[in-house]
PDB file of N, CA and C in Angstrom:
ATOM      1  N   MET A   1     104.700 -27.628  45.122  1.00  0.00           N
ATOM      2  CA  MET A   1     103.550 -27.997  45.840  1.00  0.00           C
ATOM      3  C   MET A   1     102.427 -27.443  45.143  1.00  0.00           C
ATOM      4  N   LYS A   2     101.415 -28.318  44.883  1.00  0.00           N
ATOM      5  CA  LYS A   2     100.131 -27.836  44.315  1.00  0.00           C
ATOM      6  C   LYS A   2      99.032 -27.612  45.429  1.00  0.00           C
ATOM      7  N   TRP A   3      98.189 -26.724  45.021  1.00  0.00           N
ATOM      8  CA  TRP A   3      97.088 -26.645  46.038  1.00  0.00           C
ATOM      9  C   TRP A   3      95.794 -26.674  45.290  1.00  0.00           C
ATOM     10  N   LEU A   4      94.795 -27.110  45.889  1.00  0.00           N
ATOM     11  CA  LEU A   4      93.377 -27.074  45.359  1.00  0.00           C
ATOM     12  C   LEU A   4      92.433 -26.146  45.945  1.00  0.00           C
ATOM     13  N   ALA A   5      91.930 -25.390  45.050  1.00  0.00           N
ATOM     14  CA  ALA A   5      90.863 -24.322  45.504  1.00  0.00           C
ATOM     15  C   ALA A   5      89.571 -24.770  45.148  1.00  0.00           C
ATOM     16  N   ILE A   6      88.541 -24.927  46.029  1.00  0.00           N
ATOM     17  CA  ILE A   6      87.209 -25.360  45.778  1.00  0.00           C
ATOM     18  C   ILE A   6      86.366 -24.050  45.990  1.00  0.00           C
ATOM     19  N   LEU A   7      85.649 -23.937  44.765  1.00  0.00           N
ATOM     20  CA  LEU A   7      84.596 -22.633  44.806  1.00  0.00           C
ATOM     21  C   LEU A   7      83.389 -23.154  45.131  1.00  0.00           C
ATOM     22  N   ASP A   8      82.570 -22.352  45.811  1.00  0.00           N
ATOM     23  CA  ASP A   8      81.238 -22.672  46.198  1.00  0.00           C
ATOM     24  C   ASP A   8      80.276 -22.409  45.023  1.00  0.00           C
ATOM     25  N   MET A   9      80.034 -23.357  44.160  1.00  0.00           N
ATOM     26  CA  MET A   9      79.053 -23.130  43.112  1.00  0.00           C
ATOM     27  C   MET A   9      77.840 -23.969  43.278  1.00  0.00           C
ATOM     28  N   ASP A  10      77.705 -24.609  44.594  1.00  0.00           N
ATOM     29  CA  ASP A  10      76.702 -25.602  44.793  1.00  0.00           C
ATOM     30  C   ASP A  10      75.325 -24.815  44.741  1.00  0.00           C
ATOM     31  N   GLY A  11      74.426 -25.457  43.984  1.00  0.00           N
ATOM     32  CA  GLY A  11      73.177 -24.903  43.883  1.00  0.00           C
ATOM     33  C   GLY A  11      72.954 -23.717  42.889  1.00  0.00           C
ATOM     34  N   THR A  12      74.126 -23.313  42.354  1.00  0.00           N
ATOM     35  CA  THR A  12      73.897 -22.228  41.399  1.00  0.00           C
ATOM     36  C   THR A  12      74.446 -22.826  39.933  1.00  0.00           C
ATOM     37  N   LEU A  13      75.605 -23.301  39.851  1.00  0.00           N
ATOM     38  CA  LEU A  13      76.039 -23.867  38.582  1.00  0.00           C
ATOM     39  C   LEU A  13      76.037 -25.460  38.614  1.00  0.00           C
ATOM     40  N   LEU A  14      76.038 -26.063  39.748  1.00  0.00           N
ATOM     41  CA  LEU A  14      76.174 -27.381  40.041  1.00  0.00           C
ATOM     42  C   LEU A  14      74.846 -27.959  40.633  1.00  0.00           C
ATOM     43  N   LYS A  15      74.300 -29.004  40.238  1.00  0.00           N
ATOM     44  CA  LYS A  15      73.356 -29.607  40.970  1.00  0.00           C
ATOM     45  C   LYS A  15      73.475 -30.366  42.347  1.00  0.00           C
ATOM     46  N   HIS A  16      74.839 -30.751  42.497  1.00  0.00           N
ATOM     47  CA  HIS A  16      75.112 -31.414  43.834  1.00  0.00           C
ATOM     48  C   HIS A  16      76.273 -30.563  44.366  1.00  0.00           C
ATOM     49  N   ARG A  17      76.453 -30.813  45.640  1.00  0.00           N
ATOM     50  CA  ARG A  17      77.529 -30.172  46.386  1.00  0.00           C
ATOM     51  C   ARG A  17      78.938 -30.774  46.030  1.00  0.00           C
ATOM     52  N   THR A  18      79.934 -29.875  45.802  1.00  0.00           N
ATOM     53  CA  THR A  18      81.179 -30.206  45.353  1.00  0.00           C
ATOM     54  C   THR A  18      81.728 -31.165  46.441  1.00  0.00           C
ATOM     55  N   ILE A  19      81.499 -31.007  47.586  1.00  0.00           N
ATOM     56  CA  ILE A  19      82.145 -31.901  48.593  1.00  0.00           C
ATOM     57  C   ILE A  19      81.709 -33.182  48.554  1.00  0.00           C
ATOM     58  N   ASP A  20      80.390 -33.322  48.164  1.00  0.00           N
ATOM     59  CA  ASP A  20      79.786 -34.798  47.961  1.00  0.00           C
ATOM     60  C   ASP A  20      80.435 -35.533  46.877  1.00  0.00           C
ATOM     61  N   ILE A  21      80.727 -34.768  45.792  1.00  0.00           N
ATOM     62  CA  ILE A  21      81.498 -35.484  44.648  1.00  0.00           C
ATOM     63  C   ILE A  21      82.834 -35.874  44.977  1.00  0.00           C
ATOM     64  N   LEU A  22      83.581 -34.803  45.604  1.00  0.00           N
ATOM     65  CA  LEU A  22      85.038 -35.140  46.015  1.00  0.00           C
ATOM     66  C   LEU A  22      85.063 -36.299  47.133  1.00  0.00           C
ATOM     67  N   SER A  23      84.164 -36.292  48.033  1.00  0.00           N
ATOM     68  CA  SER A  23      84.175 -37.362  49.158  1.00  0.00           C
ATOM     69  C   SER A  23      83.964 -38.680  48.464  1.00  0.00           C
ATOM     70  N   GLU A  24      83.168 -38.782  47.595  1.00  0.00           N
ATOM     71  CA  GLU A  24      82.831 -40.041  46.901  1.00  0.00           C
ATOM     72  C   GLU A  24      84.066 -40.545  46.091  1.00  0.00           C
ATOM     73  N   LYS A  25      84.667 -39.554  45.412  1.00  0.00           N
ATOM     74  CA  LYS A  25      85.787 -39.925  44.646  1.00  0.00           C
ATOM     75  C   LYS A  25      86.991 -40.438  45.581  1.00  0.00           C
ATOM     76  N   LEU A  26      87.052 -39.708  46.652  1.00  0.00           N
ATOM     77  CA  LEU A  26      88.194 -40.181  47.711  1.00  0.00           C
ATOM     78  C   LEU A  26      87.893 -41.187  48.714  1.00  0.00           C
ATOM     79  N   GLY A  27      86.534 -41.690  48.605  1.00  0.00           N
ATOM     80  CA  GLY A  27      86.156 -42.757  49.479  1.00  0.00           C
ATOM     81  C   GLY A  27      85.833 -42.425  50.721  1.00  0.00           C
ATOM     82  N   LEU A  28      85.358 -41.167  50.977  1.00  0.00           N
ATOM     83  CA  LEU A  28      85.134 -40.563  52.346  1.00  0.00           C
ATOM     84  C   LEU A  28      83.635 -40.180  52.539  1.00  0.00           C
ATOM     85  N   SER A  29      82.821 -40.774  51.835  1.00  0.00           N
ATOM     86  CA  SER A  29      81.253 -40.634  51.890  1.00  0.00           C
ATOM     87  C   SER A  29      80.765 -40.706  53.182  1.00  0.00           C
ATOM     88  N   ARG A  30      81.176 -41.925  53.833  1.00  0.00           N
ATOM     89  CA  ARG A  30      80.663 -42.240  55.239  1.00  0.00           C
ATOM     90  C   ARG A  30      81.080 -41.132  56.252  1.00  0.00           C
ATOM     91  N   GLU A  31      82.409 -40.790  56.134  1.00  0.00           N
ATOM     92  CA  GLU A  31      82.862 -39.721  57.165  1.00  0.00           C
ATOM     93  C   GLU A  31      82.137 -38.491  56.867  1.00  0.00           C
ATOM     94  N   LEU A  32      81.962 -37.962  55.583  1.00  0.00           N
ATOM     95  CA  LEU A  32      81.170 -36.817  55.307  1.00  0.00           C
ATOM     96  C   LEU A  32      79.739 -36.869  55.699  1.00  0.00           C
ATOM     97  N   LYS A  33      79.083 -38.041  55.770  1.00  0.00           N
ATOM     98  CA  LYS A  33      77.817 -38.250  56.160  1.00  0.00           C
ATOM     99  C   LYS A  33      77.719 -37.947  57.681  1.00  0.00           C
ATOM    100  N   LYS A  34      78.748 -38.526  58.459  1.00  0.00           N
ATOM    101  CA  LYS A  34      78.713 -38.291  59.797  1.00  0.00           C
ATOM    102  C   LYS A  34      78.716 -36.736  60.224  1.00  0.00           C
ATOM    103  N   ILE A  35      79.736 -36.106  59.405  1.00  0.00           N
ATOM    104  CA  ILE A  35      79.866 -34.558  59.562  1.00  0.00           C
ATOM    105  C   ILE A  35      78.484 -33.935  59.326  1.00  0.00           C
ATOM    106  N   ASP A  36      77.867 -34.282  58.104  1.00  0.00           N
ATOM    107  CA  ASP A  36      76.624 -33.731  57.949  1.00  0.00           C
ATOM    108  C   ASP A  36      75.510 -33.958  58.987  1.00  0.00           C
ATOM    109  N   GLU A  37      75.266 -35.245  59.473  1.00  0.00           N
ATOM    110  CA  GLU A  37      74.580 -35.427  60.498  1.00  0.00           C
ATOM    111  C   GLU A  37      74.767 -34.746  61.827  1.00  0.00           C
ATOM    112  N   ALA A  38      75.994 -34.404  62.130  1.00  0.00           N
ATOM    113  CA  ALA A  38      76.484 -33.803  63.456  1.00  0.00           C
ATOM    114  C   ALA A  38      76.314 -32.239  63.093  1.00  0.00           C
ATOM    115  N   SER A  39      76.183 -31.862  61.966  1.00  0.00           N
ATOM    116  CA  SER A  39      76.273 -30.433  61.617  1.00  0.00           C
ATOM    117  C   SER A  39      74.974 -29.708  62.093  1.00  0.00           C
ATOM    118  N   LYS A  40      73.998 -30.280  62.556  1.00  0.00           N
ATOM    119  CA  LYS A  40      72.827 -29.773  63.168  1.00  0.00           C
ATOM    120  C   LYS A  40      73.252 -29.062  64.396  1.00  0.00           C
ATOM    121  N   HIS A  41      74.267 -29.440  65.087  1.00  0.00           N
ATOM    122  CA  HIS A  41      74.684 -29.017  66.412  1.00  0.00           C
ATOM    123  C   HIS A  41      75.863 -28.312  66.334  1.00  0.00           C
ATOM    124  N   MET A  42      76.366 -27.758  65.181  1.00  0.00           N
ATOM    125  CA  MET A  42      77.707 -27.002  64.945  1.00  0.00           C
ATOM    126  C   MET A  42      77.277 -25.880  64.162  1.00  0.00           C
ATOM    127  N   ASN A  43      78.177 -24.845  64.358  1.00  0.00           N
ATOM    128  CA  ASN A  43      78.107 -23.631  63.514  1.00  0.00           C
ATOM    129  C   ASN A  43      78.798 -23.875  62.092  1.00  0.00           C
ATOM    130  N   GLY A  44      78.786 -22.882  61.296  1.00  0.00           N
ATOM    131  CA  GLY A  44      79.275 -23.013  59.857  1.00  0.00           C
ATOM    132  C   GLY A  44      80.863 -23.220  59.865  1.00  0.00           C
ATOM    133  N   TYR A  45      81.451 -22.435  60.802  1.00  0.00           N
ATOM    134  CA  TYR A  45      83.032 -22.558  61.014  1.00  0.00           C
ATOM    135  C   TYR A  45      83.326 -23.898  61.278  1.00  0.00           C
ATOM    136  N   GLU A  46      82.655 -24.616  62.308  1.00  0.00           N
ATOM    137  CA  GLU A  46      83.080 -25.861  62.833  1.00  0.00           C
ATOM    138  C   GLU A  46      82.846 -26.946  61.768  1.00  0.00           C
ATOM    139  N   ILE A  47      81.800 -26.788  60.840  1.00  0.00           N
ATOM    140  CA  ILE A  47      81.521 -27.727  59.800  1.00  0.00           C
ATOM    141  C   ILE A  47      82.600 -27.693  58.792  1.00  0.00           C
ATOM    142  N   ARG A  48      82.964 -26.424  58.374  1.00  0.00           N
ATOM    143  CA  ARG A  48      84.113 -26.330  57.420  1.00  0.00           C
ATOM    144  C   ARG A  48      85.381 -26.821  57.818  1.00  0.00           C
ATOM    145  N   LEU A  49      85.602 -26.502  59.103  1.00  0.00           N
ATOM    146  CA  LEU A  49      86.868 -26.936  59.753  1.00  0.00           C
ATOM    147  C   LEU A  49      87.020 -28.473  59.600  1.00  0.00           C
ATOM    148  N   LYS A  50      85.862 -29.246  60.104  1.00  0.00           N
ATOM    149  CA  LYS A  50      85.727 -30.617  60.050  1.00  0.00           C
ATOM    150  C   LYS A  50      86.033 -31.350  58.611  1.00  0.00           C
ATOM    151  N   ILE A  51      85.262 -30.535  57.707  1.00  0.00           N
ATOM    152  CA  ILE A  51      85.517 -30.954  56.264  1.00  0.00           C
ATOM    153  C   ILE A  51      86.880 -30.733  55.800  1.00  0.00           C
ATOM    154  N   ALA A  52      87.470 -29.741  56.080  1.00  0.00           N
ATOM    155  CA  ALA A  52      88.981 -29.462  55.758  1.00  0.00           C
ATOM    156  C   ALA A  52      89.875 -30.366  56.327  1.00  0.00           C
ATOM    157  N   LYS A  53      89.712 -30.813  57.622  1.00  0.00           N
ATOM    158  CA  LYS A  53      90.464 -31.852  58.170  1.00  0.00           C
ATOM    159  C   LYS A  53      90.403 -33.202  57.597  1.00  0.00           C
ATOM    160  N   LEU A  54      89.022 -33.523  57.049  1.00  0.00           N
ATOM    161  CA  LEU A  54      88.709 -34.706  56.326  1.00  0.00           C
ATOM    162  C   LEU A  54      89.578 -34.791  54.976  1.00  0.00           C
ATOM    163  N   LEU A  55      89.686 -33.629  54.419  1.00  0.00           N
ATOM    164  CA  LEU A  55      90.490 -33.712  53.146  1.00  0.00           C
ATOM    165  C   LEU A  55      91.907 -33.486  53.234  1.00  0.00           C
ATOM    166  N   THR A  56      92.396 -33.263  54.461  1.00  0.00           N
ATOM    167  CA  THR A  56      93.865 -32.930  54.648  1.00  0.00           C
ATOM    168  C   THR A  56      94.663 -34.233  54.267  1.00  0.00           C
ATOM    169  N   GLY A  57      95.858 -33.917  53.598  1.00  0.00           N
ATOM    170  CA  GLY A  57      96.750 -34.990  53.079  1.00  0.00           C
ATOM    171  C   GLY A  57      96.426 -35.698  51.848  1.00  0.00           C
ATOM    172  N   PHE A  58      95.357 -35.367  51.300  1.00  0.00           N
ATOM    173  CA  PHE A  58      95.161 -35.980  49.830  1.00  0.00           C
ATOM    174  C   PHE A  58      95.950 -35.117  48.786  1.00  0.00           C
ATOM    175  N   LYS A  59      96.440 -35.606  47.881  1.00  0.00           N
ATOM    176  CA  LYS A  59      97.186 -35.013  46.856  1.00  0.00           C
ATOM    177  C   LYS A  59      96.285 -34.752  45.760  1.00  0.00           C
ATOM    178  N   VAL A  60      96.437 -33.394  45.224  1.00  0.00           N
ATOM    179  CA  VAL A  60      95.572 -33.043  43.986  1.00  0.00           C
ATOM    180  C   VAL A  60      95.713 -34.035  42.816  1.00  0.00           C
ATOM    181  N   SER A  61      96.680 -34.676  42.652  1.00  0.00           N
ATOM    182  CA  SER A  61      96.774 -35.691  41.596  1.00  0.00           C
ATOM    183  C   SER A  61      95.864 -36.724  41.430  1.00  0.00           C
ATOM    184  N   ILE A  62      95.359 -37.045  42.688  1.00  0.00           N
ATOM    185  CA  ILE A  62      94.407 -38.180  42.848  1.00  0.00           C
ATOM    186  C   ILE A  62      93.107 -37.802  42.143  1.00  0.00           C
ATOM    187  N   LEU A  63      92.793 -36.382  42.015  1.00  0.00           N
ATOM    188  CA  LEU A  63      91.637 -36.126  41.232  1.00  0.00           C
ATOM    189  C   LEU A  63      91.760 -35.827  39.840  1.00  0.00           C
ATOM    190  N   GLU A  64      93.020 -35.991  39.169  1.00  0.00           N
ATOM    191  CA  GLU A  64      93.123 -35.876  37.896  1.00  0.00           C
ATOM    192  C   GLU A  64      92.774 -36.939  37.062  1.00  0.00           C
TER     193      GLU A  64
END
């Protein structure tokens, strides 16, 4: 089983958020936008949990 680790380089080494690029590649941009809009009413843990659930089930090979 392969795992994918995503490092937070947003705003330091990258111009865009990693999750934005991944969600676009996976066809999840609309769902991520909904999470982003709702994030104003959530704490950081809740936001990360929703994003993790959004990515659950995708195989790493889809990004190769």
